[in-house]
């Protein structure tokens, strides 16, 4: 059974790139355009890992992570930030919110596959 990844990004092209990359590696990918949509998708279907942007309209990635971590089903689910931000203070906020890892955009396709495999223990 393939693992399910939720990718949350307000950029449709970025979501498509993540989806193509991870689907090619055998993952089922669900998409959302902002944190509110991401929470909704996560409640509809349990996922094995979340890949989220930070800066999005409606609800940003940090707030979405905080909300996901309140849900019992998402206490231990790996959450990876995929963002252009590289500031140490923001990374610390992400860790405090419950982020598992961090990938800076632009990313190499092999990099995101390797990180997802690593956090899933594959």
C-alpha atoms as a PDB file:
ATOM      1  CA  UNK A   1       0.000   0.000   0.000  1.00  0.00           C
ATOM      2  CA  UNK A   2       1.467   3.341  -1.002  1.00  0.00           C
ATOM      3  CA  UNK A   3       1.916   6.114   1.523  1.00  0.00           C
ATOM      4  CA  UNK A   4      -0.176   9.277   1.234  1.00  0.00           C
ATOM      5  CA  UNK A   5       1.339  12.765   1.161  1.00  0.00           C
ATOM      6  CA  UNK A   6      -0.600  16.000   1.657  1.00  0.00           C
ATOM      7  CA  UNK A   7       1.049  18.920  -0.140  1.00  0.00           C
ATOM      8  CA  UNK A   8      -0.138  22.408   0.860  1.00  0.00           C
ATOM      9  CA  UNK A   9       0.999  25.416  -1.179  1.00  0.00           C
ATOM     10  CA  UNK A  10      -0.763  28.453  -2.635  1.00  0.00           C
ATOM     11  CA  UNK A  11       1.259  28.040  -5.842  1.00  0.00           C
ATOM     12  CA  UNK A  12      -0.490  25.604  -8.181  1.00  0.00           C
ATOM     13  CA  UNK A  13       2.737  25.060 -10.131  1.00  0.00           C
ATOM     14  CA  UNK A  14       4.626  24.181  -6.928  1.00  0.00           C
ATOM     15  CA  UNK A  15       1.883  21.728  -5.885  1.00  0.00           C
ATOM     16  CA  UNK A  16       2.031  20.138  -9.328  1.00  0.00           C
ATOM     17  CA  UNK A  17       5.819  19.807  -9.158  1.00  0.00           C
ATOM     18  CA  UNK A  18       5.652  18.189  -5.699  1.00  0.00           C
ATOM     19  CA  UNK A  19       2.796  15.930  -6.816  1.00  0.00           C
ATOM     20  CA  UNK A  20       4.607  14.837  -9.978  1.00  0.00           C
ATOM     21  CA  UNK A  21       7.850  14.195  -8.112  1.00  0.00           C
ATOM     22  CA  UNK A  22       6.310  12.205  -5.259  1.00  0.00           C
ATOM     23  CA  UNK A  23       3.755  10.357  -7.416  1.00  0.00           C
ATOM     24  CA  UNK A  24       6.622   9.263  -9.672  1.00  0.00           C
ATOM     25  CA  UNK A  25       8.271   7.829  -6.547  1.00  0.00           C
ATOM     26  CA  UNK A  26       5.127   5.817  -5.753  1.00  0.00           C
ATOM     27  CA  UNK A  27       3.314   8.086  -3.307  1.00  0.00           C
ATOM     28  CA  UNK A  28      -0.369   9.060  -3.426  1.00  0.00           C
ATOM     29  CA  UNK A  29      -0.515  12.870  -3.282  1.00  0.00           C
ATOM     30  CA  UNK A  30      -3.415  15.032  -2.090  1.00  0.00           C
ATOM     31  CA  UNK A  31      -3.266  18.792  -2.713  1.00  0.00           C
ATOM     32  CA  UNK A  32      -4.480  21.896  -0.871  1.00  0.00           C
ATOM     33  CA  UNK A  33      -4.028  25.590  -1.708  1.00  0.00           C
ATOM     34  CA  UNK A  34      -3.795  27.002   1.830  1.00  0.00           C
ATOM     35  CA  UNK A  35      -3.757  25.977   5.484  1.00  0.00           C
ATOM     36  CA  UNK A  36      -7.543  25.874   5.871  1.00  0.00           C
ATOM     37  CA  UNK A  37      -7.851  23.574   2.844  1.00  0.00           C
ATOM     38  CA  UNK A  38      -4.935  21.522   4.175  1.00  0.00           C
ATOM     39  CA  UNK A  39      -6.677  21.000   7.521  1.00  0.00           C
ATOM     40  CA  UNK A  40      -9.870  20.032   5.732  1.00  0.00           C
ATOM     41  CA  UNK A  41      -8.068  17.470   3.533  1.00  0.00           C
ATOM     42  CA  UNK A  42      -6.232  16.082   6.586  1.00  0.00           C
ATOM     43  CA  UNK A  43      -9.522  15.598   8.407  1.00  0.00           C
ATOM     44  CA  UNK A  44     -11.123  13.920   5.351  1.00  0.00           C
ATOM     45  CA  UNK A  45      -8.326  11.411   4.809  1.00  0.00           C
ATOM     46  CA  UNK A  46      -5.481  10.363   7.069  1.00  0.00           C
ATOM     47  CA  UNK A  47      -2.103  11.070   5.494  1.00  0.00           C
ATOM     48  CA  UNK A  48       1.346   9.700   6.271  1.00  0.00           C
ATOM     49  CA  UNK A  49       3.298  12.925   5.767  1.00  0.00           C
ATOM     50  CA  UNK A  50       2.522  16.626   5.172  1.00  0.00           C
ATOM     51  CA  UNK A  51       4.625  18.912   2.953  1.00  0.00           C
ATOM     52  CA  UNK A  52       3.628  22.548   3.441  1.00  0.00           C
ATOM     53  CA  UNK A  53       4.599  26.031   2.389  1.00  0.00           C
ATOM     54  CA  UNK A  54       4.927  28.739   5.030  1.00  0.00           C
ATOM     55  CA  UNK A  55       3.555  31.873   3.372  1.00  0.00           C
ATOM     56  CA  UNK A  56      -0.010  31.308   2.152  1.00  0.00           C
ATOM     57  CA  UNK A  57      -3.260  33.293   2.216  1.00  0.00           C
ATOM     58  CA  UNK A  58      -6.175  32.380   4.531  1.00  0.00           C
ATOM     59  CA  UNK A  59      -3.971  30.321   6.917  1.00  0.00           C
ATOM     60  CA  UNK A  60      -0.180  30.089   6.799  1.00  0.00           C
ATOM     61  CA  UNK A  61       1.844  26.914   7.236  1.00  0.00           C
ATOM     62  CA  UNK A  62       2.833  27.596  10.857  1.00  0.00           C
ATOM     63  CA  UNK A  63      -0.779  28.017  11.957  1.00  0.00           C
ATOM     64  CA  UNK A  64      -1.806  24.928  10.010  1.00  0.00           C
ATOM     65  CA  UNK A  65       0.905  22.859  11.713  1.00  0.00           C
ATOM     66  CA  UNK A  66      -0.239  24.071  15.127  1.00  0.00           C
ATOM     67  CA  UNK A  67      -3.818  23.056  14.293  1.00  0.00           C
ATOM     68  CA  UNK A  68      -2.770  19.679  12.866  1.00  0.00           C
ATOM     69  CA  UNK A  69      -0.760  18.890  15.996  1.00  0.00           C
ATOM     70  CA  UNK A  70      -3.903  19.409  18.096  1.00  0.00           C
ATOM     71  CA  UNK A  71      -5.562  16.499  16.268  1.00  0.00           C
ATOM     72  CA  UNK A  72      -4.789  13.118  17.890  1.00  0.00           C
ATOM     73  CA  UNK A  73      -4.276  11.468  14.493  1.00  0.00           C
ATOM     74  CA  UNK A  74      -1.536  13.992  13.598  1.00  0.00           C
ATOM     75  CA  UNK A  75       0.525  14.017  16.803  1.00  0.00           C
ATOM     76  CA  UNK A  76       3.263  11.866  15.225  1.00  0.00           C
ATOM     77  CA  UNK A  77       2.778  12.507  11.499  1.00  0.00           C
ATOM     78  CA  UNK A  78       5.928  14.008   9.911  1.00  0.00           C
ATOM     79  CA  UNK A  79       5.459  17.566   8.646  1.00  0.00           C
ATOM     80  CA  UNK A  80       8.004  19.078   6.265  1.00  0.00           C
ATOM     81  CA  UNK A  81       8.233  22.790   5.525  1.00  0.00           C
ATOM     82  CA  UNK A  82       8.910  23.529   1.852  1.00  0.00           C
ATOM     83  CA  UNK A  83       9.541  27.267   1.643  1.00  0.00           C
ATOM     84  CA  UNK A  84      11.739  30.056   0.320  1.00  0.00           C
ATOM     85  CA  UNK A  85      12.345  31.186   3.927  1.00  0.00           C
ATOM     86  CA  UNK A  86      15.705  30.269   5.423  1.00  0.00           C
ATOM     87  CA  UNK A  87      15.774  32.525   8.492  1.00  0.00           C
ATOM     88  CA  UNK A  88      16.875  30.719  11.673  1.00  0.00           C
ATOM     89  CA  UNK A  89      14.144  32.376  13.782  1.00  0.00           C
ATOM     90  CA  UNK A  90      11.444  31.117  11.422  1.00  0.00           C
ATOM     91  CA  UNK A  91      12.986  27.628  11.457  1.00  0.00           C
ATOM     92  CA  UNK A  92      12.826  27.715  15.254  1.00  0.00           C
ATOM     93  CA  UNK A  93       9.170  28.770  15.153  1.00  0.00           C
ATOM     94  CA  UNK A  94       8.475  25.894  12.759  1.00  0.00           C
ATOM     95  CA  UNK A  95      10.163  23.385  15.073  1.00  0.00           C
ATOM     96  CA  UNK A  96       8.241  24.772  18.051  1.00  0.00           C
ATOM     97  CA  UNK A  97       4.983  24.423  16.095  1.00  0.00           C
ATOM     98  CA  UNK A  98       5.780  20.795  15.343  1.00  0.00           C
ATOM     99  CA  UNK A  99       7.570  20.721  11.989  1.00  0.00           C
ATOM    100  CA  UNK A 100       9.741  17.648  11.478  1.00  0.00           C
ATOM    101  CA  UNK A 101      11.985  18.976   8.705  1.00  0.00           C
ATOM    102  CA  UNK A 102      12.738  21.835   6.331  1.00  0.00           C
ATOM    103  CA  UNK A 103      13.425  22.049   2.595  1.00  0.00           C
ATOM    104  CA  UNK A 104      14.285  25.382   0.993  1.00  0.00           C
ATOM    105  CA  UNK A 105      12.851  26.275  -2.423  1.00  0.00           C
ATOM    106  CA  UNK A 106      13.942  25.814  -5.092  1.00  0.00           C
ATOM    107  CA  UNK A 107      14.469  22.132  -4.364  1.00  0.00           C
ATOM    108  CA  UNK A 108      15.954  19.195  -6.226  1.00  0.00           C
ATOM    109  CA  UNK A 109      13.406  16.490  -6.998  1.00  0.00           C
ATOM    110  CA  UNK A 110      15.653  13.809  -5.513  1.00  0.00           C
ATOM    111  CA  UNK A 111      15.942  15.878  -2.330  1.00  0.00           C
ATOM    112  CA  UNK A 112      12.215  15.933  -1.583  1.00  0.00           C
ATOM    113  CA  UNK A 113      11.878  12.197  -2.311  1.00  0.00           C
ATOM    114  CA  UNK A 114      14.834  11.447  -0.023  1.00  0.00           C
ATOM    115  CA  UNK A 115      13.439  13.578   2.818  1.00  0.00           C
ATOM    116  CA  UNK A 116       9.970  12.027   2.560  1.00  0.00           C
ATOM    117  CA  UNK A 117      11.497   8.532   2.570  1.00  0.00           C
ATOM    118  CA  UNK A 118      13.647   9.440   5.574  1.00  0.00           C
ATOM    119  CA  UNK A 119      10.811  10.832   7.708  1.00  0.00           C
ATOM    120  CA  UNK A 120       8.665   7.817   6.852  1.00  0.00           C
ATOM    121  CA  UNK A 121      11.479   5.478   7.886  1.00  0.00           C
ATOM    122  CA  UNK A 122      11.635   3.908   4.416  1.00  0.00           C
END
